[in-house]
PDB file of all heavy atoms in Angstrom:
ATOM      1  N   LEU A   1     163.289 132.650  59.312  1.00  0.00           N
ATOM      2  CA  LEU A   1     161.904 132.181  59.193  1.00  0.00           C
ATOM      3  C   LEU A   1     161.454 132.275  57.748  1.00  0.00           C
ATOM      4  O   LEU A   1     161.643 133.301  57.104  1.00  0.00           O
ATOM      5  CB  LEU A   1     160.962 133.022  60.067  1.00  0.00           C
ATOM      6  CG  LEU A   1     161.217 133.002  61.581  1.00  0.00           C
ATOM      7  CD1 LEU A   1     160.380 134.076  62.249  1.00  0.00           C
ATOM      8  CD2 LEU A   1     160.868 131.650  62.161  1.00  0.00           C
ATOM      9  N   SER A   2     160.848 131.221  57.236  1.00  0.00           N
ATOM     10  CA  SER A   2     160.279 131.241  55.886  1.00  0.00           C
ATOM     11  C   SER A   2     158.859 130.698  55.987  1.00  0.00           C
ATOM     12  O   SER A   2     158.593 129.543  55.685  1.00  0.00           O
ATOM     13  CB  SER A   2     161.121 130.395  54.926  1.00  0.00           C
ATOM     14  OG  SER A   2     162.423 130.921  54.804  1.00  0.00           O
ATOM     15  N   TRP A   3     157.965 131.540  56.434  1.00  0.00           N
ATOM     16  CA  TRP A   3     156.611 131.097  56.758  1.00  0.00           C
ATOM     17  C   TRP A   3     155.632 131.240  55.599  1.00  0.00           C
ATOM     18  O   TRP A   3     154.502 130.780  55.697  1.00  0.00           O
ATOM     19  CB  TRP A   3     156.080 131.899  57.946  1.00  0.00           C
ATOM     20  CG  TRP A   3     156.816 131.628  59.219  1.00  0.00           C
ATOM     21  CD1 TRP A   3     157.842 132.361  59.744  1.00  0.00           C
ATOM     22  CD2 TRP A   3     156.614 130.549  60.122  1.00  0.00           C
ATOM     23  NE1 TRP A   3     158.284 131.811  60.912  1.00  0.00           N
ATOM     24  CE2 TRP A   3     157.545 130.689  61.171  1.00  0.00           C
ATOM     25  CE3 TRP A   3     155.731 129.471  60.153  1.00  0.00           C
ATOM     26  CZ2 TRP A   3     157.611 129.803  62.239  1.00  0.00           C
ATOM     27  CZ3 TRP A   3     155.808 128.591  61.221  1.00  0.00           C
ATOM     28  CH2 TRP A   3     156.731 128.763  62.244  1.00  0.00           C
ATOM     29  N   ILE A   4     156.025 131.905  54.528  1.00  0.00           N
ATOM     30  CA  ILE A   4     155.100 132.153  53.424  1.00  0.00           C
ATOM     31  C   ILE A   4     155.652 131.528  52.154  1.00  0.00           C
ATOM     32  O   ILE A   4     156.819 131.706  51.808  1.00  0.00           O
ATOM     33  CB  ILE A   4     154.874 133.663  53.225  1.00  0.00           C
ATOM     34  CG1 ILE A   4     154.136 134.244  54.429  1.00  0.00           C
ATOM     35  CG2 ILE A   4     154.098 133.927  51.951  1.00  0.00           C
ATOM     36  CD1 ILE A   4     153.772 135.693  54.293  1.00  0.00           C
ATOM     37  N   GLN A   5     154.808 130.779  51.458  1.00  0.00           N
ATOM     38  CA  GLN A   5     155.218 130.205  50.182  1.00  0.00           C
ATOM     39  C   GLN A   5     155.276 131.284  49.112  1.00  0.00           C
ATOM     40  O   GLN A   5     154.401 132.151  49.026  1.00  0.00           O
ATOM     41  CB  GLN A   5     154.241 129.115  49.761  1.00  0.00           C
ATOM     42  CG  GLN A   5     154.371 127.820  50.549  1.00  0.00           C
ATOM     43  CD  GLN A   5     153.492 126.719  49.988  1.00  0.00           C
ATOM     44  OE1 GLN A   5     152.307 126.911  49.782  1.00  0.00           O
ATOM     45  NE2 GLN A   5     154.078 125.563  49.753  1.00  0.00           N
ATOM     46  N   ALA A   6     156.309 131.224  48.274  1.00  0.00           N
ATOM     47  CA  ALA A   6     156.401 132.132  47.136  1.00  0.00           C
ATOM     48  C   ALA A   6     155.328 131.775  46.109  1.00  0.00           C
ATOM     49  O   ALA A   6     154.902 130.624  46.010  1.00  0.00           O
ATOM     50  CB  ALA A   6     157.787 132.037  46.502  1.00  0.00           C
ATOM     51  N   GLU A   7     154.905 132.767  45.329  1.00  0.00           N
ATOM     52  CA  GLU A   7     153.898 132.546  44.293  1.00  0.00           C
ATOM     53  C   GLU A   7     154.604 132.429  42.937  1.00  0.00           C
ATOM     54  O   GLU A   7     155.047 133.434  42.377  1.00  0.00           O
ATOM     55  CB  GLU A   7     152.893 133.694  44.276  1.00  0.00           C
ATOM     56  CG  GLU A   7     151.814 133.545  43.219  1.00  0.00           C
ATOM     57  CD  GLU A   7     151.176 132.165  43.240  1.00  0.00           C
ATOM     58  OE1 GLU A   7     150.540 131.817  44.252  1.00  0.00           O
ATOM     59  OE2 GLU A   7     151.341 131.433  42.238  1.00  0.00           O
ATOM     60  N   PRO A   8     154.707 131.225  42.364  1.00  0.00           N
ATOM     61  CA  PRO A   8     155.440 131.041  41.106  1.00  0.00           C
ATOM     62  C   PRO A   8     154.871 131.849  39.941  1.00  0.00           C
ATOM     63  O   PRO A   8     155.625 132.230  39.043  1.00  0.00           O
ATOM     64  CB  PRO A   8     155.327 129.532  40.845  1.00  0.00           C
ATOM     65  CG  PRO A   8     155.045 128.924  42.170  1.00  0.00           C
ATOM     66  CD  PRO A   8     154.232 129.946  42.910  1.00  0.00           C
ATOM     67  N   PHE A   9     153.567 132.106  39.941  1.00  0.00           N
ATOM     68  CA  PHE A   9     152.979 132.847  38.824  1.00  0.00           C
ATOM     69  C   PHE A   9     153.545 134.263  38.734  1.00  0.00           C
ATOM     70  O   PHE A   9     153.530 134.871  37.664  1.00  0.00           O
ATOM     71  CB  PHE A   9     151.453 132.894  38.961  1.00  0.00           C
ATOM     72  CG  PHE A   9     150.770 133.536  37.789  1.00  0.00           C
ATOM     73  CD1 PHE A   9     150.712 132.896  36.565  1.00  0.00           C
ATOM     74  CD2 PHE A   9     150.199 134.795  37.902  1.00  0.00           C
ATOM     75  CE1 PHE A   9     150.091 133.492  35.478  1.00  0.00           C
ATOM     76  CE2 PHE A   9     149.569 135.399  36.829  1.00  0.00           C
ATOM     77  CZ  PHE A   9     149.515 134.749  35.597  1.00  0.00           C
ATOM     78  N   GLY A  10     154.062 134.791  39.828  1.00  0.00           N
ATOM     79  CA  GLY A  10     154.635 136.134  39.821  1.00  0.00           C
ATOM     80  C   GLY A  10     156.101 136.174  39.447  1.00  0.00           C
ATOM     81  O   GLY A  10     156.712 137.255  39.515  1.00  0.00           O
ATOM     82  N   LEU A  11     156.675 135.032  39.021  1.00  0.00           N
ATOM     83  CA  LEU A  11     158.110 134.959  38.774  1.00  0.00           C
ATOM     84  C   LEU A  11     158.418 134.792  37.289  1.00  0.00           C
ATOM     85  O   LEU A  11     157.738 134.054  36.577  1.00  0.00           O
ATOM     86  CB  LEU A  11     158.723 133.791  39.550  1.00  0.00           C
ATOM     87  CG  LEU A  11     158.451 133.771  41.055  1.00  0.00           C
ATOM     88  CD1 LEU A  11     159.063 132.520  41.681  1.00  0.00           C
ATOM     89  CD2 LEU A  11     158.977 135.030  41.719  1.00  0.00           C
ATOM     90  N   GLU A  12     159.478 135.472  36.855  1.00  0.00           N
ATOM     91  CA  GLU A  12     159.964 135.308  35.484  1.00  0.00           C
ATOM     92  C   GLU A  12     160.915 134.130  35.382  1.00  0.00           C
ATOM     93  O   GLU A  12     160.989 133.447  34.362  1.00  0.00           O
ATOM     94  CB  GLU A  12     160.677 136.586  35.032  1.00  0.00           C
ATOM     95  CG  GLU A  12     160.756 136.738  33.541  1.00  0.00           C
ATOM     96  CD  GLU A  12     159.379 136.924  32.915  1.00  0.00           C
ATOM     97  OE1 GLU A  12     158.813 138.015  32.988  1.00  0.00           O
ATOM     98  OE2 GLU A  12     158.871 135.923  32.343  1.00  0.00           O
ATOM     99  N   ARG A  13     161.653 133.892  36.454  1.00  0.00           N
ATOM    100  CA  ARG A  13     162.592 132.776  36.506  1.00  0.00           C
ATOM    101  C   ARG A  13     162.958 132.507  37.956  1.00  0.00           C
ATOM    102  O   ARG A  13     162.786 133.356  38.830  1.00  0.00           O
ATOM    103  CB  ARG A  13     163.856 133.050  35.685  1.00  0.00           C
ATOM    104  CG  ARG A  13     164.603 134.308  36.128  1.00  0.00           C
ATOM    105  CD  ARG A  13     166.009 134.360  35.564  1.00  0.00           C
ATOM    106  NE  ARG A  13     166.055 134.644  34.138  1.00  0.00           N
ATOM    107  CZ  ARG A  13     167.176 134.645  33.421  1.00  0.00           C
ATOM    108  NH1 ARG A  13     168.336 134.357  34.012  1.00  0.00           N
ATOM    109  NH2 ARG A  13     167.173 134.919  32.146  1.00  0.00           N
ATOM    110  N   VAL A  14     163.488 131.312  38.192  1.00  0.00           N
ATOM    111  CA  VAL A  14     164.023 130.924  39.501  1.00  0.00           C
ATOM    112  C   VAL A  14     165.461 130.492  39.282  1.00  0.00           C
ATOM    113  O   VAL A  14     165.734 129.601  38.468  1.00  0.00           O
ATOM    114  CB  VAL A  14     163.214 129.770  40.129  1.00  0.00           C
ATOM    115  CG1 VAL A  14     163.864 129.310  41.423  1.00  0.00           C
ATOM    116  CG2 VAL A  14     161.779 130.203  40.379  1.00  0.00           C
ATOM    117  N   GLU A  15     166.398 131.125  39.987  1.00  0.00           N
ATOM    118  CA  GLU A  15     167.813 130.812  39.851  1.00  0.00           C
ATOM    119  C   GLU A  15     168.311 130.137  41.124  1.00  0.00           C
ATOM    120  O   GLU A  15     168.041 130.614  42.234  1.00  0.00           O
ATOM    121  CB  GLU A  15     168.623 132.074  39.564  1.00  0.00           C
ATOM    122  CG  GLU A  15     168.206 132.748  38.259  1.00  0.00           C
ATOM    123  CD  GLU A  15     169.040 133.957  37.892  1.00  0.00           C
ATOM    124  OE1 GLU A  15     169.855 134.403  38.724  1.00  0.00           O
ATOM    125  OE2 GLU A  15     168.883 134.458  36.762  1.00  0.00           O
ATOM    126  N   VAL A  16     169.037 129.044  40.966  1.00  0.00           N
ATOM    127  CA  VAL A  16     169.548 128.269  42.092  1.00  0.00           C
ATOM    128  C   VAL A  16     171.067 128.291  42.039  1.00  0.00           C
ATOM    129  O   VAL A  16     171.674 127.736  41.120  1.00  0.00           O
ATOM    130  CB  VAL A  16     169.042 126.816  42.058  1.00  0.00           C
ATOM    131  CG1 VAL A  16     169.530 126.064  43.287  1.00  0.00           C
ATOM    132  CG2 VAL A  16     167.521 126.767  41.972  1.00  0.00           C
ATOM    133  N   LEU A  17     171.687 128.946  43.014  1.00  0.00           N
ATOM    134  CA  LEU A  17     173.138 128.993  43.127  1.00  0.00           C
ATOM    135  C   LEU A  17     173.565 127.967  44.169  1.00  0.00           C
ATOM    136  O   LEU A  17     173.087 127.987  45.300  1.00  0.00           O
ATOM    137  CB  LEU A  17     173.603 130.386  43.529  1.00  0.00           C
ATOM    138  CG  LEU A  17     175.114 130.619  43.558  1.00  0.00           C
ATOM    139  CD1 LEU A  17     175.724 130.392  42.180  1.00  0.00           C
ATOM    140  CD2 LEU A  17     175.427 132.028  44.048  1.00  0.00           C
ATOM    141  N   LYS A  18     174.474 127.075  43.800  1.00  0.00           N
ATOM    142  CA  LYS A  18     174.813 125.930  44.650  1.00  0.00           C
ATOM    143  C   LYS A  18     176.170 126.123  45.315  1.00  0.00           C
ATOM    144  O   LYS A  18     177.148 126.451  44.652  1.00  0.00           O
ATOM    145  CB  LYS A  18     174.796 124.648  43.807  1.00  0.00           C
ATOM    146  CG  LYS A  18     173.467 124.423  43.101  1.00  0.00           C
ATOM    147  CD  LYS A  18     173.569 123.410  42.000  1.00  0.00           C
ATOM    148  CE  LYS A  18     172.335 123.440  41.125  1.00  0.00           C
ATOM    149  NZ  LYS A  18     172.438 122.529  39.976  1.00  0.00           N
ATOM    150  N   GLY A  19     176.174 125.893  46.616  1.00  0.00           N
ATOM    151  CA  GLY A  19     177.397 126.029  47.372  1.00  0.00           C
ATOM    152  C   GLY A  19     177.461 127.337  48.125  1.00  0.00           C
ATOM    153  O   GLY A  19     176.623 128.232  47.946  1.00  0.00           O
ATOM    154  N   PRO A  20     178.449 127.509  49.027  1.00  0.00           N
ATOM    155  CA  PRO A  20     178.581 128.728  49.832  1.00  0.00           C
ATOM    156  C   PRO A  20     178.686 129.973  48.957  1.00  0.00           C
ATOM    157  O   PRO A  20     179.410 129.987  47.964  1.00  0.00           O
ATOM    158  CB  PRO A  20     179.886 128.490  50.602  1.00  0.00           C
ATOM    159  CG  PRO A  20     180.069 127.004  50.608  1.00  0.00           C
ATOM    160  CD  PRO A  20     179.513 126.524  49.310  1.00  0.00           C
ATOM    161  N   SER A  21     177.976 131.024  49.341  1.00  0.00           N
ATOM    162  CA  SER A  21     177.912 132.228  48.499  1.00  0.00           C
ATOM    163  C   SER A  21     177.832 133.501  49.330  1.00  0.00           C
ATOM    164  O   SER A  21     177.182 134.469  48.936  1.00  0.00           O
ATOM    165  CB  SER A  21     176.697 132.141  47.557  1.00  0.00           C
ATOM    166  OG  SER A  21     176.746 130.968  46.771  1.00  0.00           O
ATOM    167  N   SER A  22     178.503 133.508  50.486  1.00  0.00           N
ATOM    168  CA  SER A  22     178.445 134.690  51.340  1.00  0.00           C
ATOM    169  C   SER A  22     179.213 135.872  50.764  1.00  0.00           C
ATOM    170  O   SER A  22     178.981 137.012  51.169  1.00  0.00           O
ATOM    171  CB  SER A  22     178.992 134.360  52.736  1.00  0.00           C
ATOM    172  OG  SER A  22     178.090 133.556  53.458  1.00  0.00           O
ATOM    173  N   VAL A  23     180.130 135.650  49.827  1.00  0.00           N
ATOM    174  CA  VAL A  23     180.984 136.722  49.347  1.00  0.00           C
ATOM    175  C   VAL A  23     180.180 137.865  48.718  1.00  0.00           C
ATOM    176  O   VAL A  23     180.608 139.028  48.774  1.00  0.00           O
ATOM    177  CB  VAL A  23     182.036 136.179  48.357  1.00  0.00           C
ATOM    178  CG1 VAL A  23     181.385 135.747  47.041  1.00  0.00           C
ATOM    179  CG2 VAL A  23     183.137 137.190  48.113  1.00  0.00           C
ATOM    180  N   LEU A  24     179.015 137.583  48.161  1.00  0.00           N
ATOM    181  CA  LEU A  24     178.181 138.634  47.581  1.00  0.00           C
ATOM    182  C   LEU A  24     176.909 138.899  48.370  1.00  0.00           C
ATOM    183  O   LEU A  24     176.306 139.963  48.213  1.00  0.00           O
ATOM    184  CB  LEU A  24     177.794 138.278  46.138  1.00  0.00           C
ATOM    185  CG  LEU A  24     178.915 138.310  45.092  1.00  0.00           C
ATOM    186  CD1 LEU A  24     178.368 137.908  43.733  1.00  0.00           C
ATOM    187  CD2 LEU A  24     179.551 139.696  45.007  1.00  0.00           C
ATOM    188  N   TYR A  25     176.507 137.956  49.234  1.00  0.00           N
ATOM    189  CA  TYR A  25     175.190 138.078  49.854  1.00  0.00           C
ATOM    190  C   TYR A  25     175.208 138.011  51.386  1.00  0.00           C
ATOM    191  O   TYR A  25     174.148 138.045  52.004  1.00  0.00           O
ATOM    192  CB  TYR A  25     174.266 136.980  49.309  1.00  0.00           C
ATOM    193  CG  TYR A  25     174.016 137.119  47.829  1.00  0.00           C
ATOM    194  CD1 TYR A  25     174.767 136.382  46.910  1.00  0.00           C
ATOM    195  CD2 TYR A  25     173.059 137.995  47.340  1.00  0.00           C
ATOM    196  CE1 TYR A  25     174.549 136.511  45.549  1.00  0.00           C
ATOM    197  CE2 TYR A  25     172.836 138.131  45.982  1.00  0.00           C
ATOM    198  CZ  TYR A  25     173.590 137.385  45.086  1.00  0.00           C
ATOM    199  OH  TYR A  25     173.371 137.521  43.737  1.00  0.00           O
ATOM    200  N   GLY A  26     176.369 137.902  51.999  1.00  0.00           N
ATOM    201  CA  GLY A  26     176.408 137.878  53.451  1.00  0.00           C
ATOM    202  C   GLY A  26     176.018 136.533  54.007  1.00  0.00           C
ATOM    203  O   GLY A  26     176.303 135.477  53.430  1.00  0.00           O
ATOM    204  N   GLN A  27     175.342 136.536  55.155  1.00  0.00           N
ATOM    205  CA  GLN A  27     175.086 135.300  55.879  1.00  0.00           C
ATOM    206  C   GLN A  27     174.096 134.401  55.132  1.00  0.00           C
ATOM    207  O   GLN A  27     172.931 134.745  54.936  1.00  0.00           O
ATOM    208  CB  GLN A  27     174.582 135.605  57.282  1.00  0.00           C
ATOM    209  CG  GLN A  27     173.474 136.630  57.363  1.00  0.00           C
ATOM    210  CD  GLN A  27     173.186 137.004  58.792  1.00  0.00           C
ATOM    211  OE1 GLN A  27     172.462 136.321  59.490  1.00  0.00           O
ATOM    212  NE2 GLN A  27     173.753 138.104  59.230  1.00  0.00           N
ATOM    213  N   THR A  28     174.590 133.269  54.693  1.00  0.00           N
ATOM    214  CA  THR A  28     173.784 132.240  54.040  1.00  0.00           C
ATOM    215  C   THR A  28     174.332 130.877  54.426  1.00  0.00           C
ATOM    216  O   THR A  28     175.486 130.746  54.825  1.00  0.00           O
ATOM    217  CB  THR A  28     173.811 132.370  52.500  1.00  0.00           C
ATOM    218  OG1 THR A  28     175.168 132.283  52.051  1.00  0.00           O
ATOM    219  CG2 THR A  28     173.207 133.681  52.041  1.00  0.00           C
ATOM    220  N   GLY A  29     173.494 129.862  54.291  1.00  0.00           N
ATOM    221  CA  GLY A  29     173.906 128.503  54.607  1.00  0.00           C
ATOM    222  C   GLY A  29     174.872 127.952  53.577  1.00  0.00           C
ATOM    223  O   GLY A  29     175.031 128.502  52.481  1.00  0.00           O
ATOM    224  N   PRO A  30     175.521 126.823  53.872  1.00  0.00           N
ATOM    225  CA  PRO A  30     176.561 126.291  52.988  1.00  0.00           C
ATOM    226  C   PRO A  30     176.041 125.687  51.689  1.00  0.00           C
ATOM    227  O   PRO A  30     176.785 125.581  50.716  1.00  0.00           O
ATOM    228  CB  PRO A  30     177.245 125.224  53.849  1.00  0.00           C
ATOM    229  CG  PRO A  30     176.202 124.802  54.835  1.00  0.00           C
ATOM    230  CD  PRO A  30     175.396 126.031  55.117  1.00  0.00           C
ATOM    231  N   GLY A  31     174.771 125.269  51.649  1.00  0.00           N
ATOM    232  CA  GLY A  31     174.273 124.590  50.462  1.00  0.00           C
ATOM    233  C   GLY A  31     174.031 125.499  49.276  1.00  0.00           C
ATOM    234  O   GLY A  31     174.066 125.073  48.129  1.00  0.00           O
ATOM    235  N   GLY A  32     173.765 126.791  49.543  1.00  0.00           N
ATOM    236  CA  GLY A  32     173.443 127.727  48.477  1.00  0.00           C
ATOM    237  C   GLY A  32     172.122 128.413  48.754  1.00  0.00           C
ATOM    238  O   GLY A  32     171.646 128.445  49.891  1.00  0.00           O
ATOM    239  N   PHE A  33     171.508 128.963  47.725  1.00  0.00           N
ATOM    240  CA  PHE A  33     170.222 129.625  47.924  1.00  0.00           C
ATOM    241  C   PHE A  33     169.460 129.702  46.614  1.00  0.00           C
ATOM    242  O   PHE A  33     169.970 129.378  45.534  1.00  0.00           O
ATOM    243  CB  PHE A  33     170.398 131.018  48.532  1.00  0.00           C
ATOM    244  CG  PHE A  33     171.242 131.963  47.707  1.00  0.00           C
ATOM    245  CD1 PHE A  33     170.719 132.609  46.608  1.00  0.00           C
ATOM    246  CD2 PHE A  33     172.565 132.194  48.052  1.00  0.00           C
ATOM    247  CE1 PHE A  33     171.489 133.472  45.859  1.00  0.00           C
ATOM    248  CE2 PHE A  33     173.352 133.049  47.305  1.00  0.00           C
ATOM    249  CZ  PHE A  33     172.811 133.691  46.206  1.00  0.00           C
ATOM    250  N   VAL A  34     168.213 130.143  46.728  1.00  0.00           N
ATOM    251  CA  VAL A  34     167.321 130.310  45.581  1.00  0.00           C
ATOM    252  C   VAL A  34     167.005 131.791  45.425  1.00  0.00           C
ATOM    253  O   VAL A  34     166.640 132.458  46.401  1.00  0.00           O
ATOM    254  CB  VAL A  34     166.024 129.504  45.775  1.00  0.00           C
ATOM    255  CG1 VAL A  34     165.000 129.856  44.705  1.00  0.00           C
ATOM    256  CG2 VAL A  34     166.322 128.009  45.752  1.00  0.00           C
ATOM    257  N   ASN A  35     167.154 132.306  44.220  1.00  0.00           N
ATOM    258  CA  ASN A  35     166.825 133.698  43.923  1.00  0.00           C
ATOM    259  C   ASN A  35     165.600 133.741  43.018  1.00  0.00           C
ATOM    260  O   ASN A  35     165.604 133.159  41.926  1.00  0.00           O
ATOM    261  CB  ASN A  35     168.001 134.400  43.244  1.00  0.00           C
ATOM    262  CG  ASN A  35     167.712 135.873  42.978  1.00  0.00           C
ATOM    263  OD1 ASN A  35     166.957 136.515  43.706  1.00  0.00           O
ATOM    264  ND2 ASN A  35     168.298 136.411  41.929  1.00  0.00           N
ATOM    265  N   LEU A  36     164.550 134.414  43.471  1.00  0.00           N
ATOM    266  CA  LEU A  36     163.306 134.547  42.724  1.00  0.00           C
ATOM    267  C   LEU A  36     163.327 135.861  41.954  1.00  0.00           C
ATOM    268  O   LEU A  36     163.484 136.934  42.552  1.00  0.00           O
ATOM    269  CB  LEU A  36     162.111 134.518  43.677  1.00  0.00           C
ATOM    270  CG  LEU A  36     162.122 133.427  44.754  1.00  0.00           C
ATOM    271  CD1 LEU A  36     160.908 133.566  45.660  1.00  0.00           C
ATOM    272  CD2 LEU A  36     162.168 132.050  44.120  1.00  0.00           C
ATOM    273  N   VAL A  37     163.162 135.795  40.642  1.00  0.00           N
ATOM    274  CA  VAL A  37     163.200 136.985  39.797  1.00  0.00           C
ATOM    275  C   VAL A  37     161.771 137.367  39.419  1.00  0.00           C
ATOM    276  O   VAL A  37     161.060 136.601  38.767  1.00  0.00           O
ATOM    277  CB  VAL A  37     164.054 136.745  38.541  1.00  0.00           C
ATOM    278  CG1 VAL A  37     164.080 137.994  37.668  1.00  0.00           C
ATOM    279  CG2 VAL A  37     165.471 136.339  38.934  1.00  0.00           C
ATOM    280  N   SER A  38     161.351 138.554  39.843  1.00  0.00           N
ATOM    281  CA  SER A  38     159.970 139.005  39.649  1.00  0.00           C
ATOM    282  C   SER A  38     159.682 139.331  38.191  1.00  0.00           C
ATOM    283  O   SER A  38     160.574 139.747  37.432  1.00  0.00           O
ATOM    284  CB  SER A  38     159.699 140.253  40.494  1.00  0.00           C
ATOM    285  OG  SER A  38     159.938 140.022  41.853  1.00  0.00           O
ATOM    286  N   LYS A  39     158.435 139.162  37.799  1.00  0.00           N
ATOM    287  CA  LYS A  39     157.981 139.637  36.496  1.00  0.00           C
ATOM    288  C   LYS A  39     157.999 141.162  36.494  1.00  0.00           C
ATOM    289  O   LYS A  39     157.614 141.799  37.473  1.00  0.00           O
ATOM    290  CB  LYS A  39     156.567 139.135  36.207  1.00  0.00           C
ATOM    291  CG  LYS A  39     156.504 137.646  35.890  1.00  0.00           C
ATOM    292  CD  LYS A  39     155.081 137.196  35.583  1.00  0.00           C
ATOM    293  CE  LYS A  39     155.048 135.728  35.156  1.00  0.00           C
ATOM    294  NZ  LYS A  39     153.670 135.251  34.903  1.00  0.00           N
ATOM    295  N   ARG A  40     158.446 141.728  35.366  1.00  0.00           N
ATOM    296  CA  ARG A  40     158.576 143.171  35.220  1.00  0.00           C
ATOM    297  C   ARG A  40     157.850 143.642  33.974  1.00  0.00           C
ATOM    298  O   ARG A  40     157.490 142.825  33.121  1.00  0.00           O
ATOM    299  CB  ARG A  40     160.060 143.554  35.111  1.00  0.00           C
ATOM    300  CG  ARG A  40     160.858 143.343  36.387  1.00  0.00           C
ATOM    301  CD  ARG A  40     162.351 143.323  36.068  1.00  0.00           C
ATOM    302  NE  ARG A  40     163.177 143.433  37.263  1.00  0.00           N
ATOM    303  CZ  ARG A  40     163.407 142.451  38.109  1.00  0.00           C
ATOM    304  NH1 ARG A  40     162.856 141.268  37.888  1.00  0.00           N
ATOM    305  NH2 ARG A  40     164.161 142.628  39.165  1.00  0.00           N
ATOM    306  N   PRO A  41     157.658 144.946  33.810  1.00  0.00           N
ATOM    307  CA  PRO A  41     157.035 145.451  32.579  1.00  0.00           C
ATOM    308  C   PRO A  41     157.795 144.993  31.336  1.00  0.00           C
ATOM    309  O   PRO A  41     159.034 144.954  31.329  1.00  0.00           O
ATOM    310  CB  PRO A  41     157.107 146.971  32.753  1.00  0.00           C
ATOM    311  CG  PRO A  41     157.101 147.180  34.238  1.00  0.00           C
ATOM    312  CD  PRO A  41     157.882 146.022  34.790  1.00  0.00           C
ATOM    313  N   THR A  42     157.059 144.638  30.309  1.00  0.00           N
ATOM    314  CA  THR A  42     157.657 144.132  29.075  1.00  0.00           C
ATOM    315  C   THR A  42     157.775 145.240  28.035  1.00  0.00           C
ATOM    316  O   THR A  42     157.109 146.275  28.114  1.00  0.00           O
ATOM    317  CB  THR A  42     156.811 142.990  28.497  1.00  0.00           C
ATOM    318  OG1 THR A  42     155.468 143.452  28.287  1.00  0.00           O
ATOM    319  CG2 THR A  42     156.780 141.818  29.471  1.00  0.00           C
ATOM    320  N   ASP A  43     158.642 145.016  27.042  1.00  0.00           N
ATOM    321  CA  ASP A  43     158.835 146.010  25.984  1.00  0.00           C
ATOM    322  C   ASP A  43     157.662 146.051  25.023  1.00  0.00           C
ATOM    323  O   ASP A  43     157.400 147.078  24.393  1.00  0.00           O
ATOM    324  CB  ASP A  43     160.126 145.716  25.217  1.00  0.00           C
ATOM    325  CG  ASP A  43     161.368 145.917  26.078  1.00  0.00           C
ATOM    326  OD1 ASP A  43     161.310 146.737  27.023  1.00  0.00           O
ATOM    327  OD2 ASP A  43     162.384 145.246  25.816  1.00  0.00           O
TER     328      ASP A  43
END
């Protein structure tokens, strides 16, 4: 279920990995997935 939209303003970057990727992340679909990287404290 993905019922809530992510808030882009809270993200430092969006990474898109294409193709099957269960070897590091377990059960995922064949097309790939999107990884949202949160904003963190700055130097």
